[in-house]
Amino acid sequence: MSEYDDSPIEFPCDFPIKAMGRAGVDFEATVRTLIGEYADEARAGIKIAESRNGRFVSVTVTVRATSRAQLDDIYRALHAHDDVLMTL
């Protein structure tokens, strides 16, 4: 029995990952590179949205998740990067 056996998510599945950062840097490329280390390219495209005042940007990438460990690796990589302020 692994630590992930009680996960409510059934794998494989399409899973959206959202990262938020400051506008003005190539944030989309950063997010794509970080996620690309652990998952194939986006399944449903990449969605980008700027904040109302244009200071922040969110990037949502839907990946084909194969395990909870894979998702944990993606979120750890995103959290470790200085340009990523928040993830959902």
PDB file of N, CA and C in Angstrom:
ATOM      1  N   MET A   1       0.847  -1.185   0.000  1.00  0.00           N
ATOM      2  CA  MET A   1       0.000   0.000   0.000  1.00  0.00           C
ATOM      3  C   MET A   1       0.890   1.246   0.000  1.00  0.00           C
ATOM      4  N   SER A   2       0.705   2.101  -0.994  1.00  0.00           N
ATOM      5  CA  SER A   2       1.511   3.317  -1.071  1.00  0.00           C
ATOM      6  C   SER A   2       0.788   4.473  -0.403  1.00  0.00           C
ATOM      7  N   GLU A   3       1.509   5.568  -0.224  1.00  0.00           N
ATOM      8  CA  GLU A   3       0.912   6.743   0.410  1.00  0.00           C
ATOM      9  C   GLU A   3      -0.156   7.395  -0.459  1.00  0.00           C
ATOM     10  N   TYR A   4      -0.251   6.998  -1.732  1.00  0.00           N
ATOM     11  CA  TYR A   4      -1.199   7.605  -2.663  1.00  0.00           C
ATOM     12  C   TYR A   4      -2.438   6.750  -2.902  1.00  0.00           C
ATOM     13  N   ASP A   5      -2.563   5.619  -2.237  1.00  0.00           N
ATOM     14  CA  ASP A   5      -3.681   4.719  -2.482  1.00  0.00           C
ATOM     15  C   ASP A   5      -5.036   5.338  -2.153  1.00  0.00           C
ATOM     16  N   ASP A   6      -5.069   6.321  -1.275  1.00  0.00           N
ATOM     17  CA  ASP A   6      -6.339   6.924  -0.882  1.00  0.00           C
ATOM     18  C   ASP A   6      -6.676   8.178  -1.687  1.00  0.00           C
ATOM     19  N   SER A   7      -6.000   8.408  -2.795  1.00  0.00           N
ATOM     20  CA  SER A   7      -6.245   9.586  -3.619  1.00  0.00           C
ATOM     21  C   SER A   7      -7.647   9.528  -4.216  1.00  0.00           C
ATOM     22  N   PRO A   8      -8.396  10.631  -4.149  1.00  0.00           N
ATOM     23  CA  PRO A   8      -9.736  10.659  -4.749  1.00  0.00           C
ATOM     24  C   PRO A   8      -9.704  10.788  -6.276  1.00  0.00           C
ATOM     25  N   ILE A   9      -8.538  11.014  -6.830  1.00  0.00           N
ATOM     26  CA  ILE A   9      -8.385  11.175  -8.270  1.00  0.00           C
ATOM     27  C   ILE A   9      -8.101   9.824  -8.896  1.00  0.00           C
ATOM     28  N   GLU A  10      -8.810   9.517  -9.975  1.00  0.00           N
ATOM     29  CA  GLU A  10      -8.568   8.271 -10.698  1.00  0.00           C
ATOM     30  C   GLU A  10      -7.639   8.563 -11.870  1.00  0.00           C
ATOM     31  N   PHE A  11      -6.547   7.839 -11.923  1.00  0.00           N
ATOM     32  CA  PHE A  11      -5.539   8.050 -12.968  1.00  0.00           C
ATOM     33  C   PHE A  11      -5.628   6.955 -14.007  1.00  0.00           C
ATOM     34  N   PRO A  12      -5.278   7.270 -15.247  1.00  0.00           N
ATOM     35  CA  PRO A  12      -4.897   8.572 -15.783  1.00  0.00           C
ATOM     36  C   PRO A  12      -6.113   9.475 -15.958  1.00  0.00           C
ATOM     37  N   CYS A  13      -5.852  10.779 -15.962  1.00  0.00           N
ATOM     38  CA  CYS A  13      -6.920  11.758 -16.150  1.00  0.00           C
ATOM     39  C   CYS A  13      -6.330  13.064 -16.676  1.00  0.00           C
ATOM     40  N   ASP A  14      -7.183  13.888 -17.271  1.00  0.00           N
ATOM     41  CA  ASP A  14      -6.781  15.236 -17.664  1.00  0.00           C
ATOM     42  C   ASP A  14      -6.897  16.109 -16.425  1.00  0.00           C
ATOM     43  N   PHE A  15      -5.831  16.836 -16.111  1.00  0.00           N
ATOM     44  CA  PHE A  15      -5.786  17.597 -14.867  1.00  0.00           C
ATOM     45  C   PHE A  15      -5.280  19.008 -15.143  1.00  0.00           C
ATOM     46  N   PRO A  16      -6.084  20.035 -14.811  1.00  0.00           N
ATOM     47  CA  PRO A  16      -5.642  21.421 -15.033  1.00  0.00           C
ATOM     48  C   PRO A  16      -4.727  21.893 -13.900  1.00  0.00           C
ATOM     49  N   ILE A  17      -3.639  22.527 -14.278  1.00  0.00           N
ATOM     50  CA  ILE A  17      -2.698  23.092 -13.315  1.00  0.00           C
ATOM     51  C   ILE A  17      -2.593  24.573 -13.621  1.00  0.00           C
ATOM     52  N   LYS A  18      -2.842  25.409 -12.606  1.00  0.00           N
ATOM     53  CA  LYS A  18      -2.794  26.866 -12.798  1.00  0.00           C
ATOM     54  C   LYS A  18      -1.648  27.429 -11.967  1.00  0.00           C
ATOM     55  N   ALA A  19      -0.847  28.271 -12.613  1.00  0.00           N
ATOM     56  CA  ALA A  19       0.238  28.968 -11.930  1.00  0.00           C
ATOM     57  C   ALA A  19       0.076  30.459 -12.157  1.00  0.00           C
ATOM     58  N   MET A  20       0.367  31.248 -11.127  1.00  0.00           N
ATOM     59  CA  MET A  20       0.259  32.690 -11.227  1.00  0.00           C
ATOM     60  C   MET A  20       1.601  33.341 -10.941  1.00  0.00           C
ATOM     61  N   GLY A  21       1.882  34.397 -11.708  1.00  0.00           N
ATOM     62  CA  GLY A  21       3.139  35.125 -11.545  1.00  0.00           C
ATOM     63  C   GLY A  21       2.983  36.557 -12.006  1.00  0.00           C
ATOM     64  N   ARG A  22       4.076  37.287 -11.995  1.00  0.00           N
ATOM     65  CA  ARG A  22       4.064  38.689 -12.424  1.00  0.00           C
ATOM     66  C   ARG A  22       4.105  38.780 -13.954  1.00  0.00           C
ATOM     67  N   ALA A  23       3.379  39.742 -14.478  1.00  0.00           N
ATOM     68  CA  ALA A  23       3.417  40.006 -15.918  1.00  0.00           C
ATOM     69  C   ALA A  23       4.752  40.665 -16.250  1.00  0.00           C
ATOM     70  N   GLY A  24       5.125  40.606 -17.506  1.00  0.00           N
ATOM     71  CA  GLY A  24       6.349  41.260 -17.932  1.00  0.00           C
ATOM     72  C   GLY A  24       7.509  40.312 -18.141  1.00  0.00           C
ATOM     73  N   VAL A  25       7.468  39.154 -17.514  1.00  0.00           N
ATOM     74  CA  VAL A  25       8.465  38.117 -17.784  1.00  0.00           C
ATOM     75  C   VAL A  25       7.785  37.095 -18.685  1.00  0.00           C
ATOM     76  N   ASP A  26       8.547  36.251 -19.314  1.00  0.00           N
ATOM     77  CA  ASP A  26       7.940  35.233 -20.179  1.00  0.00           C
ATOM     78  C   ASP A  26       7.429  34.095 -19.299  1.00  0.00           C
ATOM     79  N   PHE A  27       6.395  34.401 -18.534  1.00  0.00           N
ATOM     80  CA  PHE A  27       5.880  33.468 -17.539  1.00  0.00           C
ATOM     81  C   PHE A  27       5.314  32.207 -18.179  1.00  0.00           C
ATOM     82  N   GLU A  28       4.653  32.344 -19.312  1.00  0.00           N
ATOM     83  CA  GLU A  28       4.100  31.165 -19.991  1.00  0.00           C
ATOM     84  C   GLU A  28       5.207  30.167 -20.322  1.00  0.00           C
ATOM     85  N   ALA A  29       6.307  30.637 -20.848  1.00  0.00           N
ATOM     86  CA  ALA A  29       7.421  29.746 -21.199  1.00  0.00           C
ATOM     87  C   ALA A  29       7.992  29.072 -19.953  1.00  0.00           C
ATOM     88  N   THR A  30       8.083  29.807 -18.873  1.00  0.00           N
ATOM     89  CA  THR A  30       8.589  29.242 -17.620  1.00  0.00           C
ATOM     90  C   THR A  30       7.696  28.101 -17.151  1.00  0.00           C
ATOM     91  N   VAL A  31       6.394  28.335 -17.139  1.00  0.00           N
ATOM     92  CA  VAL A  31       5.442  27.320 -16.679  1.00  0.00           C
ATOM     93  C   VAL A  31       5.480  26.107 -17.602  1.00  0.00           C
ATOM     94  N   ARG A  32       5.493  26.344 -18.898  1.00  0.00           N
ATOM     95  CA  ARG A  32       5.538  25.229 -19.866  1.00  0.00           C
ATOM     96  C   ARG A  32       6.799  24.396 -19.688  1.00  0.00           C
ATOM     97  N   THR A  33       7.914  25.036 -19.466  1.00  0.00           N
ATOM     98  CA  THR A  33       9.175  24.315 -19.273  1.00  0.00           C
ATOM     99  C   THR A  33       9.132  23.479 -17.997  1.00  0.00           C
ATOM    100  N   LEU A  34       8.666  24.073 -16.903  1.00  0.00           N
ATOM    101  CA  LEU A  34       8.620  23.354 -15.629  1.00  0.00           C
ATOM    102  C   LEU A  34       7.681  22.151 -15.701  1.00  0.00           C
ATOM    103  N   ILE A  35       6.506  22.346 -16.259  1.00  0.00           N
ATOM    104  CA  ILE A  35       5.548  21.244 -16.368  1.00  0.00           C
ATOM    105  C   ILE A  35       6.036  20.208 -17.379  1.00  0.00           C
ATOM    106  N   GLY A  36       6.673  20.667 -18.453  1.00  0.00           N
ATOM    107  CA  GLY A  36       7.165  19.774 -19.493  1.00  0.00           C
ATOM    108  C   GLY A  36       8.201  18.770 -19.018  1.00  0.00           C
ATOM    109  N   GLU A  37       8.841  19.050 -17.895  1.00  0.00           N
ATOM    110  CA  GLU A  37       9.801  18.105 -17.337  1.00  0.00           C
ATOM    111  C   GLU A  37       9.115  16.844 -16.809  1.00  0.00           C
ATOM    112  N   TYR A  38       7.826  16.941 -16.518  1.00  0.00           N
ATOM    113  CA  TYR A  38       7.118  15.829 -15.884  1.00  0.00           C
ATOM    114  C   TYR A  38       5.915  15.324 -16.666  1.00  0.00           C
ATOM    115  N   ALA A  39       5.465  16.078 -17.664  1.00  0.00           N
ATOM    116  CA  ALA A  39       4.261  15.689 -18.404  1.00  0.00           C
ATOM    117  C   ALA A  39       4.380  16.139 -19.854  1.00  0.00           C
ATOM    118  N   ASP A  40       3.603  15.485 -20.712  1.00  0.00           N
ATOM    119  CA  ASP A  40       3.547  15.877 -22.113  1.00  0.00           C
ATOM    120  C   ASP A  40       2.903  17.249 -22.248  1.00  0.00           C
ATOM    121  N   GLU A  41       2.997  17.785 -23.427  1.00  0.00           N
ATOM    122  CA  GLU A  41       2.407  19.101 -23.723  1.00  0.00           C
ATOM    123  C   GLU A  41       0.925  19.126 -23.346  1.00  0.00           C
ATOM    124  N   ALA A  42       0.417  20.314 -23.205  1.00  0.00           N
ATOM    125  CA  ALA A  42      -0.974  20.530 -22.785  1.00  0.00           C
ATOM    126  C   ALA A  42      -1.955  19.747 -23.646  1.00  0.00           C
ATOM    127  N   ARG A  43      -2.955  19.164 -23.021  1.00  0.00           N
ATOM    128  CA  ARG A  43      -3.960  18.376 -23.720  1.00  0.00           C
ATOM    129  C   ARG A  43      -5.068  19.251 -24.291  1.00  0.00           C
ATOM    130  N   ALA A  44      -5.397  20.297 -23.615  1.00  0.00           N
ATOM    131  CA  ALA A  44      -6.512  21.137 -24.051  1.00  0.00           C
ATOM    132  C   ALA A  44      -6.054  22.564 -24.303  1.00  0.00           C
ATOM    133  N   GLY A  45      -4.806  22.720 -24.655  1.00  0.00           N
ATOM    134  CA  GLY A  45      -4.287  24.054 -24.890  1.00  0.00           C
ATOM    135  C   GLY A  45      -3.886  24.733 -23.597  1.00  0.00           C
ATOM    136  N   ILE A  46      -3.340  25.889 -23.753  1.00  0.00           N
ATOM    137  CA  ILE A  46      -2.895  26.673 -22.606  1.00  0.00           C
ATOM    138  C   ILE A  46      -3.750  27.918 -22.535  1.00  0.00           C
ATOM    139  N   LYS A  47      -4.245  28.198 -21.350  1.00  0.00           N
ATOM    140  CA  LYS A  47      -5.072  29.388 -21.151  1.00  0.00           C
ATOM    141  C   LYS A  47      -4.275  30.408 -20.360  1.00  0.00           C
ATOM    142  N   ILE A  48      -4.282  31.643 -20.853  1.00  0.00           N
ATOM    143  CA  ILE A  48      -3.548  32.722 -20.199  1.00  0.00           C
ATOM    144  C   ILE A  48      -4.524  33.846 -19.891  1.00  0.00           C
ATOM    145  N   ALA A  49      -4.431  34.363 -18.678  1.00  0.00           N
ATOM    146  CA  ALA A  49      -5.299  35.475 -18.283  1.00  0.00           C
ATOM    147  C   ALA A  49      -4.482  36.492 -17.492  1.00  0.00           C
ATOM    148  N   GLU A  50      -4.664  37.762 -17.824  1.00  0.00           N
ATOM    149  CA  GLU A  50      -4.005  38.830 -17.079  1.00  0.00           C
ATOM    150  C   GLU A  50      -4.935  39.343 -15.993  1.00  0.00           C
ATOM    151  N   SER A  51      -4.353  39.861 -14.927  1.00  0.00           N
ATOM    152  CA  SER A  51      -5.148  40.465 -13.873  1.00  0.00           C
ATOM    153  C   SER A  51      -5.761  41.761 -14.383  1.00  0.00           C
ATOM    154  N   ARG A  52      -6.711  42.260 -13.661  1.00  0.00           N
ATOM    155  CA  ARG A  52      -7.422  43.469 -14.071  1.00  0.00           C
ATOM    156  C   ARG A  52      -6.467  44.636 -14.301  1.00  0.00           C
ATOM    157  N   ASN A  53      -5.470  44.774 -13.445  1.00  0.00           N
ATOM    158  CA  ASN A  53      -4.546  45.893 -13.576  1.00  0.00           C
ATOM    159  C   ASN A  53      -3.319  45.556 -14.427  1.00  0.00           C
ATOM    160  N   GLY A  54      -3.220  44.312 -14.912  1.00  0.00           N
ATOM    161  CA  GLY A  54      -2.143  43.919 -15.800  1.00  0.00           C
ATOM    162  C   GLY A  54      -0.817  43.616 -15.127  1.00  0.00           C
ATOM    163  N   ARG A  55      -0.789  43.590 -13.802  1.00  0.00           N
ATOM    164  CA  ARG A  55       0.464  43.322 -13.081  1.00  0.00           C
ATOM    165  C   ARG A  55       0.769  41.837 -12.962  1.00  0.00           C
ATOM    166  N   PHE A  56      -0.263  41.001 -13.020  1.00  0.00           N
ATOM    167  CA  PHE A  56      -0.084  39.568 -12.821  1.00  0.00           C
ATOM    168  C   PHE A  56      -0.686  38.789 -13.986  1.00  0.00           C
ATOM    169  N   VAL A  57      -0.246  37.553 -14.130  1.00  0.00           N
ATOM    170  CA  VAL A  57      -0.756  36.694 -15.192  1.00  0.00           C
ATOM    171  C   VAL A  57      -0.940  35.291 -14.615  1.00  0.00           C
ATOM    172  N   SER A  58      -1.968  34.601 -15.104  1.00  0.00           N
ATOM    173  CA  SER A  58      -2.145  33.195 -14.734  1.00  0.00           C
ATOM    174  C   SER A  58      -2.057  32.350 -15.992  1.00  0.00           C
ATOM    175  N   VAL A  59      -1.441  31.185 -15.850  1.00  0.00           N
ATOM    176  CA  VAL A  59      -1.284  30.248 -16.947  1.00  0.00           C
ATOM    177  C   VAL A  59      -1.869  28.922 -16.481  1.00  0.00           C
ATOM    178  N   THR A  60      -2.850  28.413 -17.233  1.00  0.00           N
ATOM    179  CA  THR A  60      -3.453  27.124 -16.916  1.00  0.00           C
ATOM    180  C   THR A  60      -3.072  26.132 -18.004  1.00  0.00           C
ATOM    181  N   VAL A  61      -2.475  25.021 -17.576  1.00  0.00           N
ATOM    182  CA  VAL A  61      -2.057  23.965 -18.485  1.00  0.00           C
ATOM    183  C   VAL A  61      -2.764  22.689 -18.062  1.00  0.00           C
ATOM    184  N   THR A  62      -3.480  22.060 -18.985  1.00  0.00           N
ATOM    185  CA  THR A  62      -4.124  20.790 -18.695  1.00  0.00           C
ATOM    186  C   THR A  62      -3.215  19.672 -19.194  1.00  0.00           C
ATOM    187  N   VAL A  63      -2.811  18.800 -18.269  1.00  0.00           N
ATOM    188  CA  VAL A  63      -1.902  17.703 -18.603  1.00  0.00           C
ATOM    189  C   VAL A  63      -2.622  16.369 -18.441  1.00  0.00           C
ATOM    190  N   ARG A  64      -2.081  15.351 -19.052  1.00  0.00           N
ATOM    191  CA  ARG A  64      -2.571  13.986 -18.850  1.00  0.00           C
ATOM    192  C   ARG A  64      -1.795  13.434 -17.661  1.00  0.00           C
ATOM    193  N   ALA A  65      -2.428  13.456 -16.499  1.00  0.00           N
ATOM    194  CA  ALA A  65      -1.783  12.997 -15.266  1.00  0.00           C
ATOM    195  C   ALA A  65      -1.864  11.483 -15.172  1.00  0.00           C
ATOM    196  N   THR A  66      -0.740  10.870 -14.867  1.00  0.00           N
ATOM    197  CA  THR A  66      -0.700   9.414 -14.770  1.00  0.00           C
ATOM    198  C   THR A  66      -0.595   8.919 -13.338  1.00  0.00           C
ATOM    199  N   SER A  67      -0.248   9.815 -12.394  1.00  0.00           N
ATOM    200  CA  SER A  67      -0.145   9.399 -10.994  1.00  0.00           C
ATOM    201  C   SER A  67      -0.142  10.618 -10.080  1.00  0.00           C
ATOM    202  N   ARG A  68      -0.417  10.376  -8.826  1.00  0.00           N
ATOM    203  CA  ARG A  68      -0.359  11.434  -7.817  1.00  0.00           C
ATOM    204  C   ARG A  68       1.083  11.904  -7.646  1.00  0.00           C
ATOM    205  N   ALA A  69       2.024  10.975  -7.721  1.00  0.00           N
ATOM    206  CA  ALA A  69       3.440  11.330  -7.589  1.00  0.00           C
ATOM    207  C   ALA A  69       3.853  12.306  -8.694  1.00  0.00           C
ATOM    208  N   GLN A  70       3.356  12.088  -9.911  1.00  0.00           N
ATOM    209  CA  GLN A  70       3.658  12.989 -11.023  1.00  0.00           C
ATOM    210  C   GLN A  70       3.132  14.399 -10.723  1.00  0.00           C
ATOM    211  N   LEU A  71       1.894  14.499 -10.249  1.00  0.00           N
ATOM    212  CA  LEU A  71       1.325  15.807  -9.911  1.00  0.00           C
ATOM    213  C   LEU A  71       2.110  16.472  -8.789  1.00  0.00           C
ATOM    214  N   ASP A  72       2.502  15.699  -7.788  1.00  0.00           N
ATOM    215  CA  ASP A  72       3.295  16.261  -6.696  1.00  0.00           C
ATOM    216  C   ASP A  72       4.620  16.814  -7.217  1.00  0.00           C
ATOM    217  N   ASP A  73       5.267  16.096  -8.135  1.00  0.00           N
ATOM    218  CA  ASP A  73       6.525  16.564  -8.720  1.00  0.00           C
ATOM    219  C   ASP A  73       6.334  17.879  -9.476  1.00  0.00           C
ATOM    220  N   ILE A  74       5.242  17.972 -10.230  1.00  0.00           N
ATOM    221  CA  ILE A  74       4.949  19.200 -10.975  1.00  0.00           C
ATOM    222  C   ILE A  74       4.758  20.370 -10.024  1.00  0.00           C
ATOM    223  N   TYR A  75       3.941  20.177  -8.984  1.00  0.00           N
ATOM    224  CA  TYR A  75       3.688  21.265  -8.042  1.00  0.00           C
ATOM    225  C   TYR A  75       4.948  21.649  -7.270  1.00  0.00           C
ATOM    226  N   ARG A  76       5.785  20.689  -6.919  1.00  0.00           N
ATOM    227  CA  ARG A  76       7.053  21.011  -6.235  1.00  0.00           C
ATOM    228  C   ARG A  76       7.948  21.861  -7.136  1.00  0.00           C
ATOM    229  N   ALA A  77       8.030  21.504  -8.415  1.00  0.00           N
ATOM    230  CA  ALA A  77       8.856  22.265  -9.359  1.00  0.00           C
ATOM    231  C   ALA A  77       8.334  23.690  -9.514  1.00  0.00           C
ATOM    232  N   LEU A  78       7.017  23.831  -9.612  1.00  0.00           N
ATOM    233  CA  LEU A  78       6.434  25.166  -9.743  1.00  0.00           C
ATOM    234  C   LEU A  78       6.693  26.001  -8.487  1.00  0.00           C
ATOM    235  N   HIS A  79       6.464  25.421  -7.324  1.00  0.00           N
ATOM    236  CA  HIS A  79       6.656  26.152  -6.065  1.00  0.00           C
ATOM    237  C   HIS A  79       8.102  26.567  -5.847  1.00  0.00           C
ATOM    238  N   ALA A  80       9.038  25.792  -6.372  1.00  0.00           N
ATOM    239  CA  ALA A  80      10.456  26.084  -6.167  1.00  0.00           C
ATOM    240  C   ALA A  80      10.963  27.227  -7.060  1.00  0.00           C
ATOM    241  N   HIS A  81      10.217  27.587  -8.092  1.00  0.00           N
ATOM    242  CA  HIS A  81      10.674  28.615  -9.024  1.00  0.00           C
ATOM    243  C   HIS A  81      10.298  30.007  -8.507  1.00  0.00           C
ATOM    244  N   ASP A  82      11.248  30.929  -8.574  1.00  0.00           N
ATOM    245  CA  ASP A  82      11.045  32.283  -8.041  1.00  0.00           C
ATOM    246  C   ASP A  82       9.934  33.060  -8.753  1.00  0.00           C
ATOM    247  N   ASP A  83       9.695  32.803 -10.025  1.00  0.00           N
ATOM    248  CA  ASP A  83       8.683  33.565 -10.764  1.00  0.00           C
ATOM    249  C   ASP A  83       7.252  33.122 -10.454  1.00  0.00           C
ATOM    250  N   VAL A  84       7.088  31.954  -9.881  1.00  0.00           N
ATOM    251  CA  VAL A  84       5.749  31.427  -9.573  1.00  0.00           C
ATOM    252  C   VAL A  84       5.345  31.917  -8.185  1.00  0.00           C
ATOM    253  N   LEU A  85       4.258  32.684  -8.148  1.00  0.00           N
ATOM    254  CA  LEU A  85       3.790  33.230  -6.880  1.00  0.00           C
ATOM    255  C   LEU A  85       2.771  32.339  -6.202  1.00  0.00           C
ATOM    256  N   MET A  86       1.970  31.617  -7.004  1.00  0.00           N
ATOM    257  CA  MET A  86       0.902  30.795  -6.452  1.00  0.00           C
ATOM    258  C   MET A  86       0.503  29.734  -7.470  1.00  0.00           C
ATOM    259  N   THR A  87       0.022  28.594  -6.967  1.00  0.00           N
ATOM    260  CA  THR A  87      -0.497  27.554  -7.851  1.00  0.00           C
ATOM    261  C   THR A  87      -1.842  27.080  -7.337  1.00  0.00           C
ATOM    262  N   LEU A  88      -2.634  26.566  -8.262  1.00  0.00           N
ATOM    263  CA  LEU A  88      -3.925  25.960  -7.920  1.00  0.00           C
ATOM    264  C   LEU A  88      -4.015  24.636  -8.642  1.00  0.00           C
TER     265      LEU A  88
END
